[in-house]
Structures are given as structure tokens and as C-alpha cells.
């Protein structure tokens, strides 16, 4: 399933020990604390999709 992931760039391709899987696209993301929960989001585009909900 294409979730539009190819339409944005990542800051780095190096593994990051402070990262986990982005729930939107499945790529490695950076930690973001949102509404009392911790999520890992890879880009502003995925953040927008995440904020929009399922």
C-alpha cells in the first residue's frame, strides 16, 4: 500500500538509537510527545496525516 511516503525526504539514513517506527508510514521516526503519549514521527507530512486520524 502506498501511503505517499515517497513524496517526502528524510533528514538522515543513519540509524538513530532515539528513534522507533512511525505509525503512519512504518519508517524510522523521531520522538514526539503528543497529548500525553509518545509517538515517533518521521516527517512533517506524516505528522499531518497522523493528526488527521485514521
PDB file of N, CA and C in Angstrom:
ATOM      1  N   UNK A   1       0.852  -1.178   0.000  1.00  0.00           N
ATOM      2  CA  UNK A   1       0.000   0.000   0.000  1.00  0.00           C
ATOM      3  C   UNK A   1       0.897   1.239   0.000  1.00  0.00           C
ATOM      4  N   UNK A   2       0.685   2.134  -0.932  1.00  0.00           N
ATOM      5  CA  UNK A   2       1.434   3.386  -0.984  1.00  0.00           C
ATOM      6  C   UNK A   2       0.736   4.421  -0.124  1.00  0.00           C
ATOM      7  N   UNK A   3       1.424   4.900   0.900  1.00  0.00           N
ATOM      8  CA  UNK A   3       0.859   5.907   1.787  1.00  0.00           C
ATOM      9  C   UNK A   3       1.453   7.280   1.492  1.00  0.00           C
ATOM     10  N   UNK A   4       1.984   7.460   0.291  1.00  0.00           N
ATOM     11  CA  UNK A   4       2.559   8.742  -0.075  1.00  0.00           C
ATOM     12  C   UNK A   4       3.929   8.962   0.519  1.00  0.00           C
ATOM     13  N   UNK A   5       4.552   7.897   1.012  1.00  0.00           N
ATOM     14  CA  UNK A   5       5.835   8.041   1.676  1.00  0.00           C
ATOM     15  C   UNK A   5       6.916   8.553   0.745  1.00  0.00           C
ATOM     16  N   UNK A   6       6.883   8.217  -0.505  1.00  0.00           N
ATOM     17  CA  UNK A   6       7.934   8.618  -1.430  1.00  0.00           C
ATOM     18  C   UNK A   6       7.903  10.106  -1.740  1.00  0.00           C
ATOM     19  N   UNK A   7       6.928  10.820  -1.245  1.00  0.00           N
ATOM     20  CA  UNK A   7       6.777  12.239  -1.555  1.00  0.00           C
ATOM     21  C   UNK A   7       7.480  13.158  -0.568  1.00  0.00           C
ATOM     22  N   UNK A   8       8.213  12.597   0.390  1.00  0.00           N
ATOM     23  CA  UNK A   8       8.952  13.449   1.310  1.00  0.00           C
ATOM     24  C   UNK A   8      10.347  12.906   1.561  1.00  0.00           C
ATOM     25  N   UNK A   9      11.220  13.781   2.024  1.00  0.00           N
ATOM     26  CA  UNK A   9      12.613  13.425   2.262  1.00  0.00           C
ATOM     27  C   UNK A   9      12.845  13.217   3.764  1.00  0.00           C
ATOM     28  N   UNK A  10      13.762  12.334   4.079  1.00  0.00           N
ATOM     29  CA  UNK A  10      14.182  12.125   5.456  1.00  0.00           C
ATOM     30  C   UNK A  10      15.450  12.908   5.705  1.00  0.00           C
ATOM     31  N   UNK A  11      15.647  13.318   6.950  1.00  0.00           N
ATOM     32  CA  UNK A  11      16.833  14.092   7.309  1.00  0.00           C
ATOM     33  C   UNK A  11      18.105  13.264   7.227  1.00  0.00           C
ATOM     34  N   UNK A  12      18.011  11.969   7.510  1.00  0.00           N
ATOM     35  CA  UNK A  12      19.191  11.118   7.525  1.00  0.00           C
ATOM     36  C   UNK A  12      18.796   9.674   7.242  1.00  0.00           C
ATOM     37  N   UNK A  13      19.722   8.913   6.723  1.00  0.00           N
ATOM     38  CA  UNK A  13      19.504   7.488   6.520  1.00  0.00           C
ATOM     39  C   UNK A  13      20.225   6.672   7.590  1.00  0.00           C
ATOM     40  N   UNK A  14      20.971   7.344   8.481  1.00  0.00           N
ATOM     41  CA  UNK A  14      21.704   6.652   9.533  1.00  0.00           C
ATOM     42  C   UNK A  14      20.746   6.178  10.622  1.00  0.00           C
ATOM     43  N   UNK A  15      20.981   4.979  11.174  1.00  0.00           N
ATOM     44  CA  UNK A  15      20.159   4.512  12.285  1.00  0.00           C
ATOM     45  C   UNK A  15      20.293   5.465  13.469  1.00  0.00           C
ATOM     46  N   UNK A  16      19.232   5.615  14.200  1.00  0.00           N
ATOM     47  CA  UNK A  16      19.198   6.519  15.346  1.00  0.00           C
ATOM     48  C   UNK A  16      18.671   5.741  16.543  1.00  0.00           C
ATOM     49  N   UNK A  17      19.478   5.658  17.588  1.00  0.00           N
ATOM     50  CA  UNK A  17      19.053   4.914  18.773  1.00  0.00           C
ATOM     51  C   UNK A  17      17.900   5.584  19.503  1.00  0.00           C
ATOM     52  N   UNK A  18      17.585   6.834  19.163  1.00  0.00           N
ATOM     53  CA  UNK A  18      16.477   7.552  19.789  1.00  0.00           C
ATOM     54  C   UNK A  18      15.253   7.569  18.880  1.00  0.00           C
ATOM     55  N   UNK A  19      15.117   6.573  18.029  1.00  0.00           N
ATOM     56  CA  UNK A  19      14.020   6.543  17.079  1.00  0.00           C
ATOM     57  C   UNK A  19      13.302   5.198  17.125  1.00  0.00           C
ATOM     58  N   UNK A  20      12.082   5.200  16.632  1.00  0.00           N
ATOM     59  CA  UNK A  20      11.282   3.986  16.528  1.00  0.00           C
ATOM     60  C   UNK A  20      10.417   4.127  15.276  1.00  0.00           C
ATOM     61  N   UNK A  21       9.466   3.247  15.098  1.00  0.00           N
ATOM     62  CA  UNK A  21       8.669   3.198  13.882  1.00  0.00           C
ATOM     63  C   UNK A  21       7.553   4.233  13.857  1.00  0.00           C
ATOM     64  N   UNK A  22       7.478   4.966  12.756  1.00  0.00           N
ATOM     65  CA  UNK A  22       6.407   5.933  12.511  1.00  0.00           C
ATOM     66  C   UNK A  22       5.108   5.162  12.282  1.00  0.00           C
ATOM     67  N   UNK A  23       4.027   5.469  13.015  1.00  0.00           N
ATOM     68  CA  UNK A  23       2.775   4.726  12.847  1.00  0.00           C
ATOM     69  C   UNK A  23       2.064   5.011  11.522  1.00  0.00           C
ATOM     70  N   UNK A  24       2.461   6.052  10.820  1.00  0.00           N
ATOM     71  CA  UNK A  24       1.820   6.401   9.550  1.00  0.00           C
ATOM     72  C   UNK A  24       2.419   5.612   8.393  1.00  0.00           C
ATOM     73  N   UNK A  25       3.757   5.636   8.262  1.00  0.00           N
ATOM     74  CA  UNK A  25       4.391   5.037   7.081  1.00  0.00           C
ATOM     75  C   UNK A  25       5.286   3.844   7.392  1.00  0.00           C
ATOM     76  N   UNK A  26       5.577   3.621   8.685  1.00  0.00           N
ATOM     77  CA  UNK A  26       6.410   2.490   9.056  1.00  0.00           C
ATOM     78  C   UNK A  26       7.906   2.750   8.993  1.00  0.00           C
ATOM     79  N   UNK A  27       8.315   3.959   8.636  1.00  0.00           N
ATOM     80  CA  UNK A  27       9.726   4.306   8.584  1.00  0.00           C
ATOM     81  C   UNK A  27      10.209   4.727   9.973  1.00  0.00           C
ATOM     82  N   UNK A  28      11.519   4.884  10.104  1.00  0.00           N
ATOM     83  CA  UNK A  28      12.100   5.332  11.369  1.00  0.00           C
ATOM     84  C   UNK A  28      11.730   6.790  11.613  1.00  0.00           C
ATOM     85  N   UNK A  29      11.266   7.095  12.818  1.00  0.00           N
ATOM     86  CA  UNK A  29      10.845   8.454  13.133  1.00  0.00           C
ATOM     87  C   UNK A  29      11.554   9.010  14.352  1.00  0.00           C
ATOM     88  N   UNK A  30      11.297  10.268  14.626  1.00  0.00           N
ATOM     89  CA  UNK A  30      11.856  10.947  15.792  1.00  0.00           C
ATOM     90  C   UNK A  30      10.776  11.072  16.860  1.00  0.00           C
ATOM     91  N   UNK A  31      11.199  11.081  18.107  1.00  0.00           N
ATOM     92  CA  UNK A  31      10.269  11.118  19.237  1.00  0.00           C
ATOM     93  C   UNK A  31       9.505  12.436  19.282  1.00  0.00           C
ATOM     94  N   UNK A  32       8.209  12.326  19.457  1.00  0.00           N
ATOM     95  CA  UNK A  32       7.342  13.484  19.659  1.00  0.00           C
ATOM     96  C   UNK A  32       6.334  13.131  20.742  1.00  0.00           C
ATOM     97  N   UNK A  33       6.213  13.998  21.733  1.00  0.00           N
ATOM     98  CA  UNK A  33       5.248  13.804  22.804  1.00  0.00           C
ATOM     99  C   UNK A  33       3.990  14.591  22.457  1.00  0.00           C
ATOM    100  N   UNK A  34       2.895  13.860  22.280  1.00  0.00           N
ATOM    101  CA  UNK A  34       1.646  14.461  21.813  1.00  0.00           C
ATOM    102  C   UNK A  34       0.496  14.035  22.711  1.00  0.00           C
ATOM    103  N   UNK A  35      -0.127  14.987  23.375  1.00  0.00           N
ATOM    104  CA  UNK A  35      -1.293  14.688  24.200  1.00  0.00           C
ATOM    105  C   UNK A  35      -1.029  13.682  25.299  1.00  0.00           C
ATOM    106  N   UNK A  36       0.156  13.736  25.906  1.00  0.00           N
ATOM    107  CA  UNK A  36       0.476  12.811  26.982  1.00  0.00           C
ATOM    108  C   UNK A  36       0.955  11.448  26.517  1.00  0.00           C
ATOM    109  N   UNK A  37       1.058  11.223  25.223  1.00  0.00           N
ATOM    110  CA  UNK A  37       1.537   9.971  24.648  1.00  0.00           C
ATOM    111  C   UNK A  37       2.829  10.247  23.886  1.00  0.00           C
ATOM    112  N   UNK A  38       3.662   9.247  23.746  1.00  0.00           N
ATOM    113  CA  UNK A  38       4.887   9.375  22.966  1.00  0.00           C
ATOM    114  C   UNK A  38       4.718   8.617  21.655  1.00  0.00           C
ATOM    115  N   UNK A  39       5.018   9.292  20.540  1.00  0.00           N
ATOM    116  CA  UNK A  39       4.972   8.696  19.209  1.00  0.00           C
ATOM    117  C   UNK A  39       6.276   9.012  18.510  1.00  0.00           C
ATOM    118  N   UNK A  40       6.585   8.259  17.471  1.00  0.00           N
ATOM    119  CA  UNK A  40       7.754   8.521  16.652  1.00  0.00           C
ATOM    120  C   UNK A  40       7.256   8.832  15.246  1.00  0.00           C
ATOM    121  N   UNK A  41       7.522  10.046  14.789  1.00  0.00           N
ATOM    122  CA  UNK A  41       7.023  10.545  13.506  1.00  0.00           C
ATOM    123  C   UNK A  41       8.232  10.915  12.651  1.00  0.00           C
ATOM    124  N   UNK A  42       8.250  10.497  11.377  1.00  0.00           N
ATOM    125  CA  UNK A  42       9.433  10.693  10.541  1.00  0.00           C
ATOM    126  C   UNK A  42       9.489  12.046   9.837  1.00  0.00           C
ATOM    127  N   UNK A  43       8.349  12.714   9.646  1.00  0.00           N
ATOM    128  CA  UNK A  43       8.368  13.963   8.875  1.00  0.00           C
ATOM    129  C   UNK A  43       7.140  14.807   9.206  1.00  0.00           C
ATOM    130  N   UNK A  44       7.169  16.045   8.765  1.00  0.00           N
ATOM    131  CA  UNK A  44       6.009  16.915   8.958  1.00  0.00           C
ATOM    132  C   UNK A  44       4.795  16.395   8.184  1.00  0.00           C
ATOM    133  N   UNK A  45       5.027  15.796   7.017  1.00  0.00           N
ATOM    134  CA  UNK A  45       3.925  15.232   6.232  1.00  0.00           C
ATOM    135  C   UNK A  45       3.224  14.105   6.967  1.00  0.00           C
ATOM    136  N   UNK A  46       4.012  13.220   7.584  1.00  0.00           N
ATOM    137  CA  UNK A  46       3.417  12.133   8.358  1.00  0.00           C
ATOM    138  C   UNK A  46       2.760  12.672   9.619  1.00  0.00           C
ATOM    139  N   UNK A  47       3.319  13.739  10.188  1.00  0.00           N
ATOM    140  CA  UNK A  47       2.687  14.368  11.358  1.00  0.00           C
ATOM    141  C   UNK A  47       1.297  14.876  10.982  1.00  0.00           C
ATOM    142  N   UNK A  48       1.167  15.489   9.818  1.00  0.00           N
ATOM    143  CA  UNK A  48      -0.124  16.000   9.352  1.00  0.00           C
ATOM    144  C   UNK A  48      -1.124  14.867   9.169  1.00  0.00           C
ATOM    145  N   UNK A  49      -0.675  13.770   8.557  1.00  0.00           N
ATOM    146  CA  UNK A  49      -1.554  12.612   8.370  1.00  0.00           C
ATOM    147  C   UNK A  49      -1.936  12.006   9.709  1.00  0.00           C
ATOM    148  N   UNK A  50      -0.989  11.929  10.645  1.00  0.00           N
ATOM    149  CA  UNK A  50      -1.260  11.394  11.974  1.00  0.00           C
ATOM    150  C   UNK A  50      -2.308  12.253  12.685  1.00  0.00           C
ATOM    151  N   UNK A  51      -2.140  13.573  12.620  1.00  0.00           N
ATOM    152  CA  UNK A  51      -3.078  14.497  13.270  1.00  0.00           C
ATOM    153  C   UNK A  51      -4.486  14.385  12.705  1.00  0.00           C
ATOM    154  N   UNK A  52      -4.604  14.014  11.429  1.00  0.00           N
ATOM    155  CA  UNK A  52      -5.907  13.893  10.766  1.00  0.00           C
ATOM    156  C   UNK A  52      -6.670  12.652  11.231  1.00  0.00           C
ATOM    157  N   UNK A  53      -5.950  11.688  11.813  1.00  0.00           N
ATOM    158  CA  UNK A  53      -6.609  10.483  12.316  1.00  0.00           C
ATOM    159  C   UNK A  53      -6.670   9.381  11.293  1.00  0.00           C
ATOM    160  N   UNK A  54      -7.342   8.279  11.658  1.00  0.00           N
ATOM    161  CA  UNK A  54      -7.378   7.089  10.794  1.00  0.00           C
ATOM    162  C   UNK A  54      -8.044   7.299   9.452  1.00  0.00           C
TER     163      UNK A  54
END
